[in-house]
Amino acid sequence: MPNSCKEIRQELVDCLLKSDCVVVKRHTVKECLQTENTDDVPRECHSIRRSFFECRRGLLDMRTRFRGNTS
C-alpha cells in the first residue's frame, strides 16, 4: 500500500481499537468495520473510514494516479 494511505489506515485502526465495539464487546477490528450497528463505533471512526476510502479510491482514479493524492 502506498505511503499516502498508510497513516489514515493506522489512524482508523487506532480509533477502532479504542471503540466500545472492540473494548467492551470484544469484536475484532474487521468485525467492527463490517457491522451495521453504528452505536458501538464512534462517528470519528466513521469519518476516518470515509477518508481512507477516498484515499484508496484516489489511488485508482486515473486522473489522480499520475498527480498523486492531494492530502
PDB file of N, CA and C in Angstrom:
ATOM      1  N   MET A   1       0.850  -1.181   0.000  1.00  0.00           N
ATOM      2  CA  MET A   1       0.000   0.000   0.000  1.00  0.00           C
ATOM      3  C   MET A   1       0.893   1.240   0.000  1.00  0.00           C
ATOM      4  N   PRO A   2       0.597   2.197  -0.831  1.00  0.00           N
ATOM      5  CA  PRO A   2       1.390   3.417  -0.893  1.00  0.00           C
ATOM      6  C   PRO A   2       1.363   4.177   0.430  1.00  0.00           C
ATOM      7  N   ASN A   3       2.397   4.964   0.649  1.00  0.00           N
ATOM      8  CA  ASN A   3       2.543   5.693   1.895  1.00  0.00           C
ATOM      9  C   ASN A   3       1.434   6.698   2.139  1.00  0.00           C
ATOM     10  N   SER A   4       0.797   7.201   1.097  1.00  0.00           N
ATOM     11  CA  SER A   4      -0.203   8.242   1.271  1.00  0.00           C
ATOM     12  C   SER A   4      -1.419   7.768   2.064  1.00  0.00           C
ATOM     13  N   CYS A   5      -1.713   6.475   2.061  1.00  0.00           N
ATOM     14  CA  CYS A   5      -2.883   5.974   2.784  1.00  0.00           C
ATOM     15  C   CYS A   5      -2.526   5.237   4.073  1.00  0.00           C
ATOM     16  N   LYS A   6      -1.263   4.963   4.304  1.00  0.00           N
ATOM     17  CA  LYS A   6      -0.869   4.202   5.489  1.00  0.00           C
ATOM     18  C   LYS A   6      -1.206   4.922   6.785  1.00  0.00           C
ATOM     19  N   GLU A   7      -0.993   6.226   6.814  1.00  0.00           N
ATOM     20  CA  GLU A   7      -1.266   6.987   8.030  1.00  0.00           C
ATOM     21  C   GLU A   7      -2.757   6.989   8.357  1.00  0.00           C
ATOM     22  N   ILE A   8      -3.579   7.163   7.356  1.00  0.00           N
ATOM     23  CA  ILE A   8      -5.031   7.160   7.575  1.00  0.00           C
ATOM     24  C   ILE A   8      -5.491   5.786   8.016  1.00  0.00           C
ATOM     25  N   ARG A   9      -4.927   4.752   7.433  1.00  0.00           N
ATOM     26  CA  ARG A   9      -5.282   3.379   7.805  1.00  0.00           C
ATOM     27  C   ARG A   9      -4.928   3.121   9.268  1.00  0.00           C
ATOM     28  N   GLN A  10      -3.737   3.549   9.684  1.00  0.00           N
ATOM     29  CA  GLN A  10      -3.320   3.340  11.073  1.00  0.00           C
ATOM     30  C   GLN A  10      -4.201   4.140  12.028  1.00  0.00           C
ATOM     31  N   GLU A  11      -4.575   5.331  11.637  1.00  0.00           N
ATOM     32  CA  GLU A  11      -5.467   6.158  12.449  1.00  0.00           C
ATOM     33  C   GLU A  11      -6.833   5.483  12.615  1.00  0.00           C
ATOM     34  N   LEU A  12      -7.319   4.862  11.553  1.00  0.00           N
ATOM     35  CA  LEU A  12      -8.590   4.139  11.607  1.00  0.00           C
ATOM     36  C   LEU A  12      -8.494   2.947  12.550  1.00  0.00           C
ATOM     37  N   VAL A  13      -7.409   2.195  12.449  1.00  0.00           N
ATOM     38  CA  VAL A  13      -7.225   1.033  13.324  1.00  0.00           C
ATOM     39  C   VAL A  13      -7.142   1.477  14.780  1.00  0.00           C
ATOM     40  N   ASP A  14      -6.383   2.531  15.052  1.00  0.00           N
ATOM     41  CA  ASP A  14      -6.258   3.034  16.426  1.00  0.00           C
ATOM     42  C   ASP A  14      -7.605   3.483  16.978  1.00  0.00           C
ATOM     43  N   CYS A  15      -8.387   4.153  16.146  1.00  0.00           N
ATOM     44  CA  CYS A  15      -9.708   4.617  16.567  1.00  0.00           C
ATOM     45  C   CYS A  15     -10.611   3.432  16.898  1.00  0.00           C
ATOM     46  N   LEU A  16     -10.602   2.418  16.051  1.00  0.00           N
ATOM     47  CA  LEU A  16     -11.447   1.249  16.284  1.00  0.00           C
ATOM     48  C   LEU A  16     -10.998   0.452  17.499  1.00  0.00           C
ATOM     49  N   LEU A  17      -9.690   0.414  17.759  1.00  0.00           N
ATOM     50  CA  LEU A  17      -9.190  -0.308  18.926  1.00  0.00           C
ATOM     51  C   LEU A  17      -9.648   0.333  20.233  1.00  0.00           C
ATOM     52  N   LYS A  18      -9.951   1.626  20.204  1.00  0.00           N
ATOM     53  CA  LYS A  18     -10.432   2.340  21.390  1.00  0.00           C
ATOM     54  C   LYS A  18     -11.955   2.334  21.496  1.00  0.00           C
ATOM     55  N   SER A  19     -12.645   1.843  20.495  1.00  0.00           N
ATOM     56  CA  SER A  19     -14.109   1.887  20.473  1.00  0.00           C
ATOM     57  C   SER A  19     -14.718   0.809  21.362  1.00  0.00           C
ATOM     58  N   ASP A  20     -15.987   1.002  21.709  1.00  0.00           N
ATOM     59  CA  ASP A  20     -16.716   0.022  22.524  1.00  0.00           C
ATOM     60  C   ASP A  20     -16.870  -1.310  21.803  1.00  0.00           C
ATOM     61  N   CYS A  21     -16.895  -1.266  20.500  1.00  0.00           N
ATOM     62  CA  CYS A  21     -17.051  -2.483  19.711  1.00  0.00           C
ATOM     63  C   CYS A  21     -15.917  -3.464  19.999  1.00  0.00           C
ATOM     64  N   VAL A  22     -14.696  -2.954  20.141  1.00  0.00           N
ATOM     65  CA  VAL A  22     -13.536  -3.801  20.410  1.00  0.00           C
ATOM     66  C   VAL A  22     -13.332  -3.983  21.912  1.00  0.00           C
ATOM     67  N   VAL A  23     -13.381  -2.879  22.666  1.00  0.00           N
ATOM     68  CA  VAL A  23     -13.052  -2.915  24.091  1.00  0.00           C
ATOM     69  C   VAL A  23     -14.114  -3.644  24.907  1.00  0.00           C
ATOM     70  N   VAL A  24     -15.368  -3.297  24.708  1.00  0.00           N
ATOM     71  CA  VAL A  24     -16.447  -3.850  25.527  1.00  0.00           C
ATOM     72  C   VAL A  24     -16.988  -5.153  24.947  1.00  0.00           C
ATOM     73  N   LYS A  25     -17.304  -5.128  23.666  1.00  0.00           N
ATOM     74  CA  LYS A  25     -17.946  -6.296  23.044  1.00  0.00           C
ATOM     75  C   LYS A  25     -16.967  -7.346  22.537  1.00  0.00           C
ATOM     76  N   ARG A  26     -15.670  -7.029  22.585  1.00  0.00           N
ATOM     77  CA  ARG A  26     -14.616  -7.982  22.220  1.00  0.00           C
ATOM     78  C   ARG A  26     -14.678  -8.487  20.775  1.00  0.00           C
ATOM     79  N   HIS A  27     -15.091  -7.615  19.861  1.00  0.00           N
ATOM     80  CA  HIS A  27     -15.068  -7.950  18.442  1.00  0.00           C
ATOM     81  C   HIS A  27     -13.706  -7.592  17.870  1.00  0.00           C
ATOM     82  N   THR A  28     -13.378  -8.164  16.739  1.00  0.00           N
ATOM     83  CA  THR A  28     -12.149  -7.775  16.057  1.00  0.00           C
ATOM     84  C   THR A  28     -12.394  -6.469  15.299  1.00  0.00           C
ATOM     85  N   VAL A  29     -11.303  -5.835  14.890  1.00  0.00           N
ATOM     86  CA  VAL A  29     -11.420  -4.591  14.123  1.00  0.00           C
ATOM     87  C   VAL A  29     -12.167  -4.854  12.818  1.00  0.00           C
ATOM     88  N   LYS A  30     -11.875  -5.975  12.194  1.00  0.00           N
ATOM     89  CA  LYS A  30     -12.551  -6.322  10.933  1.00  0.00           C
ATOM     90  C   LYS A  30     -14.054  -6.470  11.148  1.00  0.00           C
ATOM     91  N   GLU A  31     -14.449  -7.132  12.234  1.00  0.00           N
ATOM     92  CA  GLU A  31     -15.879  -7.308  12.521  1.00  0.00           C
ATOM     93  C   GLU A  31     -16.544  -5.960  12.792  1.00  0.00           C
ATOM     94  N   CYS A  32     -15.835  -5.069  13.452  1.00  0.00           N
ATOM     95  CA  CYS A  32     -16.404  -3.748  13.748  1.00  0.00           C
ATOM     96  C   CYS A  32     -16.579  -2.918  12.486  1.00  0.00           C
ATOM     97  N   LEU A  33     -15.685  -3.087  11.533  1.00  0.00           N
ATOM     98  CA  LEU A  33     -15.827  -2.377  10.259  1.00  0.00           C
ATOM     99  C   LEU A  33     -17.003  -2.906   9.453  1.00  0.00           C
ATOM    100  N   GLN A  34     -17.281  -4.190   9.560  1.00  0.00           N
ATOM    101  CA  GLN A  34     -18.337  -4.806   8.768  1.00  0.00           C
ATOM    102  C   GLN A  34     -19.713  -4.698   9.413  1.00  0.00           C
ATOM    103  N   THR A  35     -19.769  -4.389  10.674  1.00  0.00           N
ATOM    104  CA  THR A  35     -21.047  -4.364  11.377  1.00  0.00           C
ATOM    105  C   THR A  35     -21.887  -3.165  10.955  1.00  0.00           C
ATOM    106  N   GLU A  36     -23.170  -3.333  10.998  1.00  0.00           N
ATOM    107  CA  GLU A  36     -24.093  -2.244  10.671  1.00  0.00           C
ATOM    108  C   GLU A  36     -24.491  -1.456  11.923  1.00  0.00           C
ATOM    109  N   ASN A  37     -24.175  -1.987  13.104  1.00  0.00           N
ATOM    110  CA  ASN A  37     -24.516  -1.311  14.355  1.00  0.00           C
ATOM    111  C   ASN A  37     -23.548  -0.157  14.579  1.00  0.00           C
ATOM    112  N   THR A  38     -24.003   1.062  14.378  1.00  0.00           N
ATOM    113  CA  THR A  38     -23.130   2.225  14.470  1.00  0.00           C
ATOM    114  C   THR A  38     -23.006   2.759  15.889  1.00  0.00           C
ATOM    115  N   ASP A  39     -23.766   2.220  16.841  1.00  0.00           N
ATOM    116  CA  ASP A  39     -23.704   2.718  18.212  1.00  0.00           C
ATOM    117  C   ASP A  39     -22.385   2.355  18.891  1.00  0.00           C
ATOM    118  N   ASP A  40     -21.785   1.247  18.507  1.00  0.00           N
ATOM    119  CA  ASP A  40     -20.550   0.792  19.136  1.00  0.00           C
ATOM    120  C   ASP A  40     -19.306   1.430  18.545  1.00  0.00           C
ATOM    121  N   VAL A  41     -19.440   2.032  17.382  1.00  0.00           N
ATOM    122  CA  VAL A  41     -18.310   2.661  16.700  1.00  0.00           C
ATOM    123  C   VAL A  41     -18.569   4.168  16.652  1.00  0.00           C
ATOM    124  N   PRO A  42     -17.650   4.983  17.198  1.00  0.00           N
ATOM    125  CA  PRO A  42     -17.872   6.436  17.222  1.00  0.00           C
ATOM    126  C   PRO A  42     -17.920   7.053  15.827  1.00  0.00           C
ATOM    127  N   ARG A  43     -18.555   8.203  15.748  1.00  0.00           N
ATOM    128  CA  ARG A  43     -18.655   8.923  14.473  1.00  0.00           C
ATOM    129  C   ARG A  43     -17.279   9.279  13.920  1.00  0.00           C
ATOM    130  N   GLU A  44     -16.351   9.553  14.823  1.00  0.00           N
ATOM    131  CA  GLU A  44     -14.985   9.892  14.396  1.00  0.00           C
ATOM    132  C   GLU A  44     -14.388   8.763  13.560  1.00  0.00           C
ATOM    133  N   CYS A  45     -14.616   7.531  13.986  1.00  0.00           N
ATOM    134  CA  CYS A  45     -14.092   6.378  13.245  1.00  0.00           C
ATOM    135  C   CYS A  45     -14.753   6.263  11.875  1.00  0.00           C
ATOM    136  N   HIS A  46     -16.032   6.591  11.811  1.00  0.00           N
ATOM    137  CA  HIS A  46     -16.725   6.539  10.522  1.00  0.00           C
ATOM    138  C   HIS A  46     -16.170   7.592   9.563  1.00  0.00           C
ATOM    139  N   SER A  47     -15.842   8.778  10.090  1.00  0.00           N
ATOM    140  CA  SER A  47     -15.293   9.814   9.214  1.00  0.00           C
ATOM    141  C   SER A  47     -13.878   9.450   8.765  1.00  0.00           C
ATOM    142  N   ILE A  48     -13.102   8.815   9.646  1.00  0.00           N
ATOM    143  CA  ILE A  48     -11.769   8.360   9.265  1.00  0.00           C
ATOM    144  C   ILE A  48     -11.885   7.257   8.214  1.00  0.00           C
ATOM    145  N   ARG A  49     -12.866   6.379   8.385  1.00  0.00           N
ATOM    146  CA  ARG A  49     -13.084   5.307   7.406  1.00  0.00           C
ATOM    147  C   ARG A  49     -13.421   5.890   6.040  1.00  0.00           C
ATOM    148  N   ARG A  50     -14.235   6.932   6.036  1.00  0.00           N
ATOM    149  CA  ARG A  50     -14.594   7.591   4.778  1.00  0.00           C
ATOM    150  C   ARG A  50     -13.358   8.217   4.122  1.00  0.00           C
ATOM    151  N   SER A  51     -12.503   8.840   4.939  1.00  0.00           N
ATOM    152  CA  SER A  51     -11.268   9.433   4.419  1.00  0.00           C
ATOM    153  C   SER A  51     -10.352   8.363   3.833  1.00  0.00           C
ATOM    154  N   PHE A  52     -10.282   7.222   4.497  1.00  0.00           N
ATOM    155  CA  PHE A  52      -9.469   6.119   3.999  1.00  0.00           C
ATOM    156  C   PHE A  52     -10.013   5.608   2.672  1.00  0.00           C
ATOM    157  N   PHE A  53     -11.333   5.506   2.587  1.00  0.00           N
ATOM    158  CA  PHE A  53     -11.970   5.088   1.338  1.00  0.00           C
ATOM    159  C   PHE A  53     -11.643   6.063   0.210  1.00  0.00           C
ATOM    160  N   GLU A  54     -11.739   7.348   0.498  1.00  0.00           N
ATOM    161  CA  GLU A  54     -11.440   8.365  -0.514  1.00  0.00           C
ATOM    162  C   GLU A  54      -9.981   8.293  -0.939  1.00  0.00           C
ATOM    163  N   CYS A  55      -9.094   8.036  -0.001  1.00  0.00           N
ATOM    164  CA  CYS A  55      -7.674   7.915  -0.319  1.00  0.00           C
ATOM    165  C   CYS A  55      -7.434   6.726  -1.235  1.00  0.00           C
ATOM    166  N   ARG A  56      -8.016   5.596  -0.900  1.00  0.00           N
ATOM    167  CA  ARG A  56      -7.854   4.395  -1.722  1.00  0.00           C
ATOM    168  C   ARG A  56      -8.470   4.585  -3.112  1.00  0.00           C
ATOM    169  N   ARG A  57      -9.615   5.242  -3.163  1.00  0.00           N
ATOM    170  CA  ARG A  57     -10.254   5.500  -4.449  1.00  0.00           C
ATOM    171  C   ARG A  57      -9.397   6.428  -5.300  1.00  0.00           C
ATOM    172  N   GLY A  58      -8.748   7.377  -4.655  1.00  0.00           N
ATOM    173  CA  GLY A  58      -7.869   8.294  -5.370  1.00  0.00           C
ATOM    174  C   GLY A  58      -6.692   7.586  -6.010  1.00  0.00           C
ATOM    175  N   LEU A  59      -6.268   6.478  -5.413  1.00  0.00           N
ATOM    176  CA  LEU A  59      -5.160   5.714  -5.988  1.00  0.00           C
ATOM    177  C   LEU A  59      -5.569   5.019  -7.279  1.00  0.00           C
ATOM    178  N   LEU A  60      -6.849   4.700  -7.400  1.00  0.00           N
ATOM    179  CA  LEU A  60      -7.331   4.005  -8.584  1.00  0.00           C
ATOM    180  C   LEU A  60      -7.828   4.939  -9.678  1.00  0.00           C
ATOM    181  N   ASP A  61      -8.094   6.189  -9.308  1.00  0.00           N
ATOM    182  CA  ASP A  61      -8.578   7.170 -10.261  1.00  0.00           C
ATOM    183  C   ASP A  61      -7.436   7.572 -11.189  1.00  0.00           C
ATOM    184  N   MET A  62      -7.612   7.350 -12.463  1.00  0.00           N
ATOM    185  CA  MET A  62      -6.543   7.609 -13.425  1.00  0.00           C
ATOM    186  C   MET A  62      -6.128   9.080 -13.466  1.00  0.00           C
ATOM    187  N   ARG A  63      -7.047   9.972 -13.176  1.00  0.00           N
ATOM    188  CA  ARG A  63      -6.703  11.398 -13.206  1.00  0.00           C
ATOM    189  C   ARG A  63      -5.748  11.764 -12.080  1.00  0.00           C
ATOM    190  N   THR A  64      -5.935  11.147 -10.898  1.00  0.00           N
ATOM    191  CA  THR A  64      -5.061  11.484  -9.769  1.00  0.00           C
ATOM    192  C   THR A  64      -3.900  10.532  -9.632  1.00  0.00           C
ATOM    193  N   ARG A  65      -3.895   9.475 -10.381  1.00  0.00           N
ATOM    194  CA  ARG A  65      -2.827   8.479 -10.269  1.00  0.00           C
ATOM    195  C   ARG A  65      -1.471   9.065 -10.611  1.00  0.00           C
ATOM    196  N   PHE A  66      -1.427   9.892 -11.622  1.00  0.00           N
ATOM    197  CA  PHE A  66      -0.160  10.479 -12.038  1.00  0.00           C
ATOM    198  C   PHE A  66       0.220  11.680 -11.170  1.00  0.00           C
ATOM    199  N   ARG A  67      -0.766  12.374 -10.667  1.00  0.00           N
ATOM    200  CA  ARG A  67      -0.501  13.558  -9.826  1.00  0.00           C
ATOM    201  C   ARG A  67      -0.316  13.178  -8.367  1.00  0.00           C
ATOM    202  N   GLY A  68      -0.858  12.056  -7.949  1.00  0.00           N
ATOM    203  CA  GLY A  68      -0.793  11.652  -6.539  1.00  0.00           C
ATOM    204  C   GLY A  68      -1.976  12.188  -5.773  1.00  0.00           C
ATOM    205  N   ASN A  69      -2.189  11.644  -4.585  1.00  0.00           N
ATOM    206  CA  ASN A  69      -3.281  12.136  -3.727  1.00  0.00           C
ATOM    207  C   ASN A  69      -2.932  13.520  -3.228  1.00  0.00           C
ATOM    208  N   THR A  70      -3.947  14.344  -3.089  1.00  0.00           N
ATOM    209  CA  THR A  70      -3.725  15.730  -2.681  1.00  0.00           C
ATOM    210  C   THR A  70      -3.450  15.871  -1.203  1.00  0.00           C
ATOM    211  N   SER A  71      -3.893  14.906  -0.404  1.00  0.00           N
ATOM    212  CA  SER A  71      -3.687  15.041   1.036  1.00  0.00           C
ATOM    213  C   SER A  71      -2.552  14.177   1.511  1.00  0.00           C
TER     214      SER A  71
END
